[in-house]
């Protein structure tokens, strides 16, 4: 886990994060259910969560942190702001393409 950009006194601090998985990424939650409570060290990023759950970057179409979109573009599978820092209590949602959307190959009307 990365710790760049945070103070030297953050060593040993643990953050509690809720990860949620939707659409085609639901199978990566690792158990029956779509949410996981995880603990990560201070300084962890969204990229660290992606690695933790072995999420295929090319299948991630949307990442929400506390309900706000942190993906840099619309429907760009695999384009994720992996450097986005996590804070204690964050809820991070990962979604694959939504059925009948542009990401699934449907034309935009």
PDB file of N, CA and C in Angstrom:
ATOM      1  N   UNK A   1       0.842  -1.177   0.000  1.00  0.00           N
ATOM      2  CA  UNK A   1       0.000   0.000   0.000  1.00  0.00           C
ATOM      3  C   UNK A   1       0.885   1.236   0.000  1.00  0.00           C
ATOM      4  N   UNK A   2       0.477   2.209  -0.745  1.00  0.00           N
ATOM      5  CA  UNK A   2       1.280   3.426  -0.840  1.00  0.00           C
ATOM      6  C   UNK A   2       1.037   4.330   0.362  1.00  0.00           C
ATOM      7  N   UNK A   3       2.050   5.136   0.690  1.00  0.00           N
ATOM      8  CA  UNK A   3       1.892   6.080   1.791  1.00  0.00           C
ATOM      9  C   UNK A   3       2.526   7.419   1.450  1.00  0.00           C
ATOM     10  N   UNK A   4       2.751   7.652   0.161  1.00  0.00           N
ATOM     11  CA  UNK A   4       3.360   8.907  -0.258  1.00  0.00           C
ATOM     12  C   UNK A   4       2.422  10.072   0.030  1.00  0.00           C
ATOM     13  N   UNK A   5       2.991  11.176   0.473  1.00  0.00           N
ATOM     14  CA  UNK A   5       2.209  12.376   0.659  1.00  0.00           C
ATOM     15  C   UNK A   5       1.544  12.518   2.005  1.00  0.00           C
ATOM     16  N   UNK A   6       1.759  11.564   2.922  1.00  0.00           N
ATOM     17  CA  UNK A   6       1.177  11.718   4.252  1.00  0.00           C
ATOM     18  C   UNK A   6       2.306  11.799   5.263  1.00  0.00           C
ATOM     19  N   UNK A   7       2.003  12.301   6.419  1.00  0.00           N
ATOM     20  CA  UNK A   7       3.013  12.551   7.433  1.00  0.00           C
ATOM     21  C   UNK A   7       3.648  11.301   8.010  1.00  0.00           C
ATOM     22  N   UNK A   8       4.819  11.494   8.601  1.00  0.00           N
ATOM     23  CA  UNK A   8       5.562  10.392   9.198  1.00  0.00           C
ATOM     24  C   UNK A   8       4.832   9.766  10.386  1.00  0.00           C
ATOM     25  N   UNK A   9       3.941  10.497  11.006  1.00  0.00           N
ATOM     26  CA  UNK A   9       3.245   9.982  12.185  1.00  0.00           C
ATOM     27  C   UNK A   9       2.006   9.157  11.831  1.00  0.00           C
ATOM     28  N   UNK A  10       1.804   8.833  10.568  1.00  0.00           N
ATOM     29  CA  UNK A  10       0.648   8.036  10.166  1.00  0.00           C
ATOM     30  C   UNK A  10       0.937   6.541  10.235  1.00  0.00           C
ATOM     31  N   UNK A  11       2.167   6.174  10.536  1.00  0.00           N
ATOM     32  CA  UNK A  11       2.546   4.763  10.603  1.00  0.00           C
ATOM     33  C   UNK A  11       1.682   4.047  11.636  1.00  0.00           C
ATOM     34  N   UNK A  12       1.088   2.951  11.242  1.00  0.00           N
ATOM     35  CA  UNK A  12       0.269   2.163  12.157  1.00  0.00           C
ATOM     36  C   UNK A  12      -1.207   2.542  12.160  1.00  0.00           C
ATOM     37  N   UNK A  13      -1.579   3.614  11.469  1.00  0.00           N
ATOM     38  CA  UNK A  13      -2.987   4.033  11.412  1.00  0.00           C
ATOM     39  C   UNK A  13      -3.723   3.135  10.415  1.00  0.00           C
ATOM     40  N   UNK A  14      -4.864   2.629  10.820  1.00  0.00           N
ATOM     41  CA  UNK A  14      -5.672   1.751   9.982  1.00  0.00           C
ATOM     42  C   UNK A  14      -6.987   2.457   9.635  1.00  0.00           C
ATOM     43  N   UNK A  15      -7.357   2.402   8.359  1.00  0.00           N
ATOM     44  CA  UNK A  15      -8.607   2.987   7.883  1.00  0.00           C
ATOM     45  C   UNK A  15      -9.628   1.882   7.648  1.00  0.00           C
ATOM     46  N   UNK A  16     -10.867   2.156   7.983  1.00  0.00           N
ATOM     47  CA  UNK A  16     -11.960   1.227   7.713  1.00  0.00           C
ATOM     48  C   UNK A  16     -12.702   1.733   6.474  1.00  0.00           C
ATOM     49  N   UNK A  17     -12.734   0.900   5.445  1.00  0.00           N
ATOM     50  CA  UNK A  17     -13.315   1.270   4.148  1.00  0.00           C
ATOM     51  C   UNK A  17     -14.389   0.252   3.785  1.00  0.00           C
ATOM     52  N   UNK A  18     -15.471   0.721   3.177  1.00  0.00           N
ATOM     53  CA  UNK A  18     -16.478  -0.191   2.634  1.00  0.00           C
ATOM     54  C   UNK A  18     -16.337  -0.198   1.122  1.00  0.00           C
ATOM     55  N   UNK A  19     -16.134  -1.384   0.559  1.00  0.00           N
ATOM     56  CA  UNK A  19     -16.042  -1.538  -0.892  1.00  0.00           C
ATOM     57  C   UNK A  19     -17.330  -2.188  -1.380  1.00  0.00           C
ATOM     58  N   UNK A  20     -17.876  -1.644  -2.461  1.00  0.00           N
ATOM     59  CA  UNK A  20     -19.113  -2.178  -3.045  1.00  0.00           C
ATOM     60  C   UNK A  20     -18.845  -2.539  -4.498  1.00  0.00           C
ATOM     61  N   UNK A  21     -19.500  -3.591  -4.965  1.00  0.00           N
ATOM     62  CA  UNK A  21     -19.255  -4.109  -6.309  1.00  0.00           C
ATOM     63  C   UNK A  21     -20.580  -4.253  -7.044  1.00  0.00           C
ATOM     64  N   UNK A  22     -20.649  -3.727  -8.263  1.00  0.00           N
ATOM     65  CA  UNK A  22     -21.892  -3.731  -9.032  1.00  0.00           C
ATOM     66  C   UNK A  22     -21.677  -4.277 -10.435  1.00  0.00           C
ATOM     67  N   UNK A  23     -22.778  -4.716 -11.027  1.00  0.00           N
ATOM     68  CA  UNK A  23     -22.825  -5.235 -12.390  1.00  0.00           C
ATOM     69  C   UNK A  23     -21.805  -6.353 -12.576  1.00  0.00           C
ATOM     70  N   UNK A  24     -21.011  -6.312 -13.614  1.00  0.00           N
ATOM     71  CA  UNK A  24     -20.098  -7.418 -13.913  1.00  0.00           C
ATOM     72  C   UNK A  24     -18.986  -7.562 -12.876  1.00  0.00           C
ATOM     73  N   UNK A  25     -18.787  -6.577 -12.000  1.00  0.00           N
ATOM     74  CA  UNK A  25     -17.733  -6.662 -10.990  1.00  0.00           C
ATOM     75  C   UNK A  25     -18.212  -7.299  -9.683  1.00  0.00           C
ATOM     76  N   UNK A  26     -19.492  -7.621  -9.588  1.00  0.00           N
ATOM     77  CA  UNK A  26     -20.043  -8.208  -8.362  1.00  0.00           C
ATOM     78  C   UNK A  26     -19.344  -9.511  -7.992  1.00  0.00           C
ATOM     79  N   UNK A  27     -18.894 -10.240  -8.974  1.00  0.00           N
ATOM     80  CA  UNK A  27     -18.246 -11.535  -8.698  1.00  0.00           C
ATOM     81  C   UNK A  27     -16.905 -11.378  -7.988  1.00  0.00           C
ATOM     82  N   UNK A  28     -16.349 -10.170  -7.942  1.00  0.00           N
ATOM     83  CA  UNK A  28     -15.053  -9.951  -7.291  1.00  0.00           C
ATOM     84  C   UNK A  28     -15.177  -9.597  -5.806  1.00  0.00           C
ATOM     85  N   UNK A  29     -16.399  -9.554  -5.289  1.00  0.00           N
ATOM     86  CA  UNK A  29     -16.562  -9.212  -3.873  1.00  0.00           C
ATOM     87  C   UNK A  29     -16.014 -10.312  -2.967  1.00  0.00           C
ATOM     88  N   UNK A  30     -15.900 -11.522  -3.500  1.00  0.00           N
ATOM     89  CA  UNK A  30     -15.257 -12.596  -2.756  1.00  0.00           C
ATOM     90  C   UNK A  30     -16.151 -13.382  -1.827  1.00  0.00           C
ATOM     91  N   UNK A  31     -17.386 -13.041  -1.722  1.00  0.00           N
ATOM     92  CA  UNK A  31     -18.308 -13.795  -0.875  1.00  0.00           C
ATOM     93  C   UNK A  31     -19.729 -13.484  -1.311  1.00  0.00           C
ATOM     94  N   UNK A  32     -20.712 -14.083  -0.651  1.00  0.00           N
ATOM     95  CA  UNK A  32     -22.096 -13.824  -1.029  1.00  0.00           C
ATOM     96  C   UNK A  32     -22.524 -12.465  -0.478  1.00  0.00           C
ATOM     97  N   UNK A  33     -22.639 -11.537  -1.342  1.00  0.00           N
ATOM     98  CA  UNK A  33     -22.983 -10.169  -0.975  1.00  0.00           C
ATOM     99  C   UNK A  33     -22.182  -9.211  -1.830  1.00  0.00           C
ATOM    100  N   UNK A  34     -22.631  -7.994  -1.895  1.00  0.00           N
ATOM    101  CA  UNK A  34     -21.998  -7.028  -2.780  1.00  0.00           C
ATOM    102  C   UNK A  34     -21.140  -6.010  -2.051  1.00  0.00           C
ATOM    103  N   UNK A  35     -21.045  -6.116  -0.735  1.00  0.00           N
ATOM    104  CA  UNK A  35     -20.236  -5.161   0.016  1.00  0.00           C
ATOM    105  C   UNK A  35     -19.209  -5.899   0.865  1.00  0.00           C
ATOM    106  N   UNK A  36     -18.086  -5.224   1.068  1.00  0.00           N
ATOM    107  CA  UNK A  36     -17.021  -5.769   1.919  1.00  0.00           C
ATOM    108  C   UNK A  36     -16.491  -4.661   2.801  1.00  0.00           C
ATOM    109  N   UNK A  37     -16.327  -4.939   4.068  1.00  0.00           N
ATOM    110  CA  UNK A  37     -15.648  -4.029   4.996  1.00  0.00           C
ATOM    111  C   UNK A  37     -14.188  -4.450   5.012  1.00  0.00           C
ATOM    112  N   UNK A  38     -13.287  -3.534   4.709  1.00  0.00           N
ATOM    113  CA  UNK A  38     -11.864  -3.850   4.701  1.00  0.00           C
ATOM    114  C   UNK A  38     -11.109  -2.808   5.517  1.00  0.00           C
ATOM    115  N   UNK A  39      -9.973  -3.219   6.001  1.00  0.00           N
ATOM    116  CA  UNK A  39      -9.085  -2.295   6.697  1.00  0.00           C
ATOM    117  C   UNK A  39      -7.819  -2.154   5.876  1.00  0.00           C
ATOM    118  N   UNK A  40      -7.397  -0.905   5.680  1.00  0.00           N
ATOM    119  CA  UNK A  40      -6.192  -0.607   4.909  1.00  0.00           C
ATOM    120  C   UNK A  40      -5.351   0.383   5.697  1.00  0.00           C
ATOM    121  N   UNK A  41      -4.052   0.414   5.443  1.00  0.00           N
ATOM    122  CA  UNK A  41      -3.206   1.378   6.158  1.00  0.00           C
ATOM    123  C   UNK A  41      -3.440   2.799   5.654  1.00  0.00           C
ATOM    124  N   UNK A  42      -3.177   3.777   6.506  1.00  0.00           N
ATOM    125  CA  UNK A  42      -3.266   5.180   6.100  1.00  0.00           C
ATOM    126  C   UNK A  42      -2.387   5.390   4.873  1.00  0.00           C
ATOM    127  N   UNK A  43      -2.875   6.169   3.936  1.00  0.00           N
ATOM    128  CA  UNK A  43      -2.142   6.426   2.709  1.00  0.00           C
ATOM    129  C   UNK A  43      -2.562   5.531   1.564  1.00  0.00           C
ATOM    130  N   UNK A  44      -3.472   4.583   1.824  1.00  0.00           N
ATOM    131  CA  UNK A  44      -3.941   3.688   0.767  1.00  0.00           C
ATOM    132  C   UNK A  44      -4.751   4.479  -0.256  1.00  0.00           C
ATOM    133  N   UNK A  45      -4.782   3.949  -1.467  1.00  0.00           N
ATOM    134  CA  UNK A  45      -5.476   4.625  -2.565  1.00  0.00           C
ATOM    135  C   UNK A  45      -6.494   3.675  -3.201  1.00  0.00           C
ATOM    136  N   UNK A  46      -7.276   4.222  -4.117  1.00  0.00           N
ATOM    137  CA  UNK A  46      -8.232   3.415  -4.866  1.00  0.00           C
ATOM    138  C   UNK A  46      -7.494   2.314  -5.623  1.00  0.00           C
ATOM    139  N   UNK A  47      -6.318   2.623  -6.141  1.00  0.00           N
ATOM    140  CA  UNK A  47      -5.512   1.615  -6.834  1.00  0.00           C
ATOM    141  C   UNK A  47      -5.153   0.441  -5.935  1.00  0.00           C
ATOM    142  N   UNK A  48      -4.923   0.728  -4.656  1.00  0.00           N
ATOM    143  CA  UNK A  48      -4.633  -0.342  -3.704  1.00  0.00           C
ATOM    144  C   UNK A  48      -5.840  -1.263  -3.527  1.00  0.00           C
ATOM    145  N   UNK A  49      -7.044  -0.696  -3.516  1.00  0.00           N
ATOM    146  CA  UNK A  49      -8.257  -1.521  -3.425  1.00  0.00           C
ATOM    147  C   UNK A  49      -8.410  -2.381  -4.674  1.00  0.00           C
ATOM    148  N   UNK A  50      -8.128  -1.795  -5.833  1.00  0.00           N
ATOM    149  CA  UNK A  50      -8.230  -2.540  -7.096  1.00  0.00           C
ATOM    150  C   UNK A  50      -7.306  -3.753  -7.044  1.00  0.00           C
ATOM    151  N   UNK A  51      -6.095  -3.559  -6.559  1.00  0.00           N
ATOM    152  CA  UNK A  51      -5.145  -4.673  -6.444  1.00  0.00           C
ATOM    153  C   UNK A  51      -5.598  -5.677  -5.386  1.00  0.00           C
ATOM    154  N   UNK A  52      -6.125  -5.187  -4.270  1.00  0.00           N
ATOM    155  CA  UNK A  52      -6.566  -6.059  -3.176  1.00  0.00           C
ATOM    156  C   UNK A  52      -7.621  -7.056  -3.649  1.00  0.00           C
ATOM    157  N   UNK A  53      -8.535  -6.601  -4.497  1.00  0.00           N
ATOM    158  CA  UNK A  53      -9.623  -7.449  -4.965  1.00  0.00           C
ATOM    159  C   UNK A  53      -9.359  -8.060  -6.335  1.00  0.00           C
ATOM    160  N   UNK A  54      -8.173  -7.850  -6.882  1.00  0.00           N
ATOM    161  CA  UNK A  54      -7.807  -8.368  -8.211  1.00  0.00           C
ATOM    162  C   UNK A  54      -8.827  -7.965  -9.274  1.00  0.00           C
ATOM    163  N   UNK A  55      -9.270  -6.726  -9.220  1.00  0.00           N
ATOM    164  CA  UNK A  55     -10.226  -6.241 -10.211  1.00  0.00           C
ATOM    165  C   UNK A  55      -9.500  -5.990 -11.531  1.00  0.00           C
ATOM    166  N   UNK A  56     -10.023  -6.508 -12.636  1.00  0.00           N
ATOM    167  CA  UNK A  56      -9.398  -6.239 -13.931  1.00  0.00           C
ATOM    168  C   UNK A  56      -9.670  -4.786 -14.338  1.00  0.00           C
ATOM    169  N   UNK A  57      -8.625  -4.017 -14.448  1.00  0.00           N
ATOM    170  CA  UNK A  57      -8.753  -2.580 -14.734  1.00  0.00           C
ATOM    171  C   UNK A  57      -9.597  -2.316 -15.976  1.00  0.00           C
ATOM    172  N   UNK A  58      -9.456  -3.139 -16.992  1.00  0.00           N
ATOM    173  CA  UNK A  58     -10.182  -2.921 -18.249  1.00  0.00           C
ATOM    174  C   UNK A  58     -11.691  -3.088 -18.092  1.00  0.00           C
ATOM    175  N   UNK A  59     -12.142  -3.727 -16.999  1.00  0.00           N
ATOM    176  CA  UNK A  59     -13.575  -3.947 -16.793  1.00  0.00           C
ATOM    177  C   UNK A  59     -14.218  -2.911 -15.877  1.00  0.00           C
ATOM    178  N   UNK A  60     -13.420  -1.985 -15.335  1.00  0.00           N
ATOM    179  CA  UNK A  60     -13.966  -0.961 -14.438  1.00  0.00           C
ATOM    180  C   UNK A  60     -14.403   0.235 -15.266  1.00  0.00           C
ATOM    181  N   UNK A  61     -15.693   0.554 -15.206  1.00  0.00           N
ATOM    182  CA  UNK A  61     -16.229   1.678 -15.972  1.00  0.00           C
ATOM    183  C   UNK A  61     -16.628   2.858 -15.098  1.00  0.00           C
ATOM    184  N   UNK A  62     -16.788   2.618 -13.808  1.00  0.00           N
ATOM    185  CA  UNK A  62     -17.214   3.688 -12.918  1.00  0.00           C
ATOM    186  C   UNK A  62     -16.699   3.400 -11.517  1.00  0.00           C
ATOM    187  N   UNK A  63     -16.136   4.428 -10.878  1.00  0.00           N
ATOM    188  CA  UNK A  63     -15.719   4.325  -9.482  1.00  0.00           C
ATOM    189  C   UNK A  63     -16.312   5.519  -8.748  1.00  0.00           C
ATOM    190  N   UNK A  64     -17.057   5.243  -7.702  1.00  0.00           N
ATOM    191  CA  UNK A  64     -17.643   6.289  -6.876  1.00  0.00           C
ATOM    192  C   UNK A  64     -17.003   6.233  -5.496  1.00  0.00           C
ATOM    193  N   UNK A  65     -16.581   7.372  -4.991  1.00  0.00           N
ATOM    194  CA  UNK A  65     -16.097   7.460  -3.610  1.00  0.00           C
ATOM    195  C   UNK A  65     -17.075   8.346  -2.876  1.00  0.00           C
ATOM    196  N   UNK A  66     -17.776   7.778  -1.910  1.00  0.00           N
ATOM    197  CA  UNK A  66     -18.800   8.488  -1.148  1.00  0.00           C
ATOM    198  C   UNK A  66     -19.840   9.123  -2.066  1.00  0.00           C
ATOM    199  N   UNK A  67     -20.203   8.390  -3.111  1.00  0.00           N
ATOM    200  CA  UNK A  67     -21.249   8.828  -4.032  1.00  0.00           C
ATOM    201  C   UNK A  67     -20.800   9.776  -5.126  1.00  0.00           C
ATOM    202  N   UNK A  68     -19.519  10.136  -5.154  1.00  0.00           N
ATOM    203  CA  UNK A  68     -19.017  11.054  -6.185  1.00  0.00           C
ATOM    204  C   UNK A  68     -18.135  10.310  -7.171  1.00  0.00           C
ATOM    205  N   UNK A  69     -18.369  10.579  -8.429  1.00  0.00           N
ATOM    206  CA  UNK A  69     -17.634   9.929  -9.507  1.00  0.00           C
ATOM    207  C   UNK A  69     -16.171  10.378  -9.494  1.00  0.00           C
ATOM    208  N   UNK A  70     -15.245   9.421  -9.395  1.00  0.00           N
ATOM    209  CA  UNK A  70     -13.830   9.770  -9.427  1.00  0.00           C
ATOM    210  C   UNK A  70     -13.138   9.173 -10.654  1.00  0.00           C
ATOM    211  N   UNK A  71     -13.927   8.715 -11.625  1.00  0.00           N
ATOM    212  CA  UNK A  71     -13.344   8.274 -12.886  1.00  0.00           C
ATOM    213  C   UNK A  71     -13.170   9.509 -13.759  1.00  0.00           C
ATOM    214  N   UNK A  72     -12.065   9.601 -14.495  1.00  0.00           N
ATOM    215  CA  UNK A  72     -11.781  10.823 -15.238  1.00  0.00           C
ATOM    216  C   UNK A  72     -12.608  11.056 -16.494  1.00  0.00           C
ATOM    217  N   UNK A  73     -13.381  10.090 -16.934  1.00  0.00           N
ATOM    218  CA  UNK A  73     -14.164  10.289 -18.147  1.00  0.00           C
ATOM    219  C   UNK A  73     -15.408   9.443 -18.120  1.00  0.00           C
ATOM    220  N   UNK A  74     -16.213   9.570 -19.131  1.00  0.00           N
ATOM    221  CA  UNK A  74     -17.451   8.815 -19.211  1.00  0.00           C
ATOM    222  C   UNK A  74     -17.218   7.569 -20.068  1.00  0.00           C
ATOM    223  N   UNK A  75     -17.587   6.427 -19.532  1.00  0.00           N
ATOM    224  CA  UNK A  75     -17.557   5.154 -20.263  1.00  0.00           C
ATOM    225  C   UNK A  75     -16.198   4.852 -20.884  1.00  0.00           C
ATOM    226  N   UNK A  76     -15.153   5.035 -20.134  1.00  0.00           N
ATOM    227  CA  UNK A  76     -13.826   4.685 -20.616  1.00  0.00           C
ATOM    228  C   UNK A  76     -13.334   3.504 -19.801  1.00  0.00           C
ATOM    229  N   UNK A  77     -13.702   2.323 -20.167  1.00  0.00           N
ATOM    230  CA  UNK A  77     -13.284   1.147 -19.422  1.00  0.00           C
ATOM    231  C   UNK A  77     -11.782   1.129 -19.220  1.00  0.00           C
ATOM    232  N   UNK A  78     -11.361   0.961 -17.985  1.00  0.00           N
ATOM    233  CA  UNK A  78      -9.947   0.887 -17.665  1.00  0.00           C
ATOM    234  C   UNK A  78      -9.289   2.206 -17.328  1.00  0.00           C
ATOM    235  N   UNK A  79     -10.018   3.307 -17.447  1.00  0.00           N
ATOM    236  CA  UNK A  79      -9.462   4.619 -17.105  1.00  0.00           C
ATOM    237  C   UNK A  79      -9.982   4.978 -15.718  1.00  0.00           C
ATOM    238  N   UNK A  80      -9.109   4.829 -14.721  1.00  0.00           N
ATOM    239  CA  UNK A  80      -9.502   5.008 -13.323  1.00  0.00           C
ATOM    240  C   UNK A  80      -8.467   5.879 -12.622  1.00  0.00           C
ATOM    241  N   UNK A  81      -8.923   6.754 -11.750  1.00  0.00           N
ATOM    242  CA  UNK A  81      -8.008   7.563 -10.946  1.00  0.00           C
ATOM    243  C   UNK A  81      -7.513   6.693  -9.788  1.00  0.00           C
ATOM    244  N   UNK A  82      -6.477   5.911 -10.056  1.00  0.00           N
ATOM    245  CA  UNK A  82      -5.959   4.976  -9.065  1.00  0.00           C
ATOM    246  C   UNK A  82      -5.247   5.677  -7.914  1.00  0.00           C
ATOM    247  N   UNK A  83      -4.869   6.922  -8.094  1.00  0.00           N
ATOM    248  CA  UNK A  83      -4.138   7.664  -7.064  1.00  0.00           C
ATOM    249  C   UNK A  83      -5.058   8.333  -6.039  1.00  0.00           C
ATOM    250  N   UNK A  84      -6.369   8.275  -6.260  1.00  0.00           N
ATOM    251  CA  UNK A  84      -7.309   8.914  -5.329  1.00  0.00           C
ATOM    252  C   UNK A  84      -7.118   8.337  -3.930  1.00  0.00           C
ATOM    253  N   UNK A  85      -6.793   9.203  -2.985  1.00  0.00           N
ATOM    254  CA  UNK A  85      -6.513   8.779  -1.606  1.00  0.00           C
ATOM    255  C   UNK A  85      -7.795   8.397  -0.877  1.00  0.00           C
ATOM    256  N   UNK A  86      -7.673   7.417   0.000  1.00  0.00           N
ATOM    257  CA  UNK A  86      -8.800   6.967   0.809  1.00  0.00           C
ATOM    258  C   UNK A  86      -8.726   7.583   2.198  1.00  0.00           C
ATOM    259  N   UNK A  87      -9.902   7.795   2.791  1.00  0.00           N
ATOM    260  CA  UNK A  87      -9.996   8.303   4.155  1.00  0.00           C
ATOM    261  C   UNK A  87     -10.872   7.351   4.959  1.00  0.00           C
ATOM    262  N   UNK A  88     -10.693   7.374   6.268  1.00  0.00           N
ATOM    263  CA  UNK A  88     -11.460   6.499   7.136  1.00  0.00           C
ATOM    264  C   UNK A  88     -12.954   6.710   6.915  1.00  0.00           C
ATOM    265  N   UNK A  89     -13.687   5.605   6.764  1.00  0.00           N
ATOM    266  CA  UNK A  89     -15.130   5.670   6.583  1.00  0.00           C
ATOM    267  C   UNK A  89     -15.585   5.799   5.150  1.00  0.00           C
ATOM    268  N   UNK A  90     -14.654   5.891   4.192  1.00  0.00           N
ATOM    269  CA  UNK A  90     -15.033   6.007   2.781  1.00  0.00           C
ATOM    270  C   UNK A  90     -15.820   4.790   2.330  1.00  0.00           C
ATOM    271  N   UNK A  91     -16.747   5.033   1.402  1.00  0.00           N
ATOM    272  CA  UNK A  91     -17.470   3.982   0.708  1.00  0.00           C
ATOM    273  C   UNK A  91     -17.067   4.097  -0.752  1.00  0.00           C
ATOM    274  N   UNK A  92     -16.436   3.053  -1.276  1.00  0.00           N
ATOM    275  CA  UNK A  92     -15.951   3.066  -2.655  1.00  0.00           C
ATOM    276  C   UNK A  92     -16.719   2.012  -3.434  1.00  0.00           C
ATOM    277  N   UNK A  93     -17.383   2.443  -4.500  1.00  0.00           N
ATOM    278  CA  UNK A  93     -18.184   1.545  -5.327  1.00  0.00           C
ATOM    279  C   UNK A  93     -17.523   1.376  -6.689  1.00  0.00           C
ATOM    280  N   UNK A  94     -17.420   0.126  -7.121  1.00  0.00           N
ATOM    281  CA  UNK A  94     -16.847  -0.209  -8.428  1.00  0.00           C
ATOM    282  C   UNK A  94     -17.951  -0.804  -9.292  1.00  0.00           C
ATOM    283  N   UNK A  95     -18.021  -0.361 -10.542  1.00  0.00           N
ATOM    284  CA  UNK A  95     -19.032  -0.888 -11.446  1.00  0.00           C
ATOM    285  C   UNK A  95     -18.427  -1.176 -12.811  1.00  0.00           C
ATOM    286  N   UNK A  96     -18.876  -2.284 -13.370  1.00  0.00           N
ATOM    287  CA  UNK A  96     -18.581  -2.586 -14.760  1.00  0.00           C
ATOM    288  C   UNK A  96     -19.601  -1.852 -15.614  1.00  0.00           C
ATOM    289  N   UNK A  97     -19.616  -2.090 -16.916  1.00  0.00           N
ATOM    290  CA  UNK A  97     -20.601  -1.409 -17.757  1.00  0.00           C
ATOM    291  C   UNK A  97     -22.024  -1.795 -17.376  1.00  0.00           C
ATOM    292  N   UNK A  98     -22.907  -0.836 -17.454  1.00  0.00           N
ATOM    293  CA  UNK A  98     -24.318  -1.051 -17.148  1.00  0.00           C
ATOM    294  C   UNK A  98     -24.979  -1.646 -18.387  1.00  0.00           C
ATOM    295  N   UNK A  99     -25.766  -2.724 -18.236  1.00  0.00           N
ATOM    296  CA  UNK A  99     -26.442  -3.297 -19.409  1.00  0.00           C
ATOM    297  C   UNK A  99     -27.229  -2.241 -20.183  1.00  0.00           C
ATOM    298  N   UNK A 100     -27.175  -2.342 -21.464  1.00  0.00           N
ATOM    299  CA  UNK A 100     -27.835  -1.436 -22.411  1.00  0.00           C
ATOM    300  C   UNK A 100     -27.233  -0.039 -22.382  1.00  0.00           C
ATOM    301  N   UNK A 101     -25.974   0.075 -21.979  1.00  0.00           N
ATOM    302  CA  UNK A 101     -25.295   1.363 -21.979  1.00  0.00           C
ATOM    303  C   UNK A 101     -24.249   1.379 -23.079  1.00  0.00           C
ATOM    304  N   UNK A 102     -23.610   2.529 -23.259  1.00  0.00           N
ATOM    305  CA  UNK A 102     -22.555   2.678 -24.236  1.00  0.00           C
ATOM    306  C   UNK A 102     -21.423   1.687 -23.967  1.00  0.00           C
ATOM    307  N   UNK A 103     -21.096   1.459 -22.699  1.00  0.00           N
ATOM    308  CA  UNK A 103     -20.038   0.523 -22.330  1.00  0.00           C
ATOM    309  C   UNK A 103     -20.343  -0.910 -22.752  1.00  0.00           C
ATOM    310  N   UNK A 104     -21.609  -1.229 -22.885  1.00  0.00           N
ATOM    311  CA  UNK A 104     -22.012  -2.564 -23.327  1.00  0.00           C
ATOM    312  C   UNK A 104     -22.084  -2.628 -24.844  1.00  0.00           C
ATOM    313  N   UNK A 105     -21.852  -1.528 -25.519  1.00  0.00           N
ATOM    314  CA  UNK A 105     -21.897  -1.507 -26.979  1.00  0.00           C
ATOM    315  C   UNK A 105     -23.179  -0.958 -27.549  1.00  0.00           C
ATOM    316  N   UNK A 106     -24.099  -0.485 -26.710  1.00  0.00           N
ATOM    317  CA  UNK A 106     -25.338   0.089 -27.195  1.00  0.00           C
ATOM    318  C   UNK A 106     -25.083   1.474 -27.757  1.00  0.00           C
ATOM    319  N   UNK A 107     -25.708   1.821 -28.852  1.00  0.00           N
ATOM    320  CA  UNK A 107     -25.501   3.167 -29.410  1.00  0.00           C
ATOM    321  C   UNK A 107     -26.122   4.234 -28.515  1.00  0.00           C
ATOM    322  N   UNK A 108     -25.528   5.403 -28.521  1.00  0.00           N
ATOM    323  CA  UNK A 108     -26.094   6.527 -27.780  1.00  0.00           C
ATOM    324  C   UNK A 108     -27.057   7.246 -28.706  1.00  0.00           C
ATOM    325  N   UNK A 109     -28.274   7.448 -28.221  1.00  0.00           N
ATOM    326  CA  UNK A 109     -29.307   8.078 -29.045  1.00  0.00           C
ATOM    327  C   UNK A 109     -29.473   9.511 -28.620  1.00  0.00           C
TER     328      UNK A 109
END
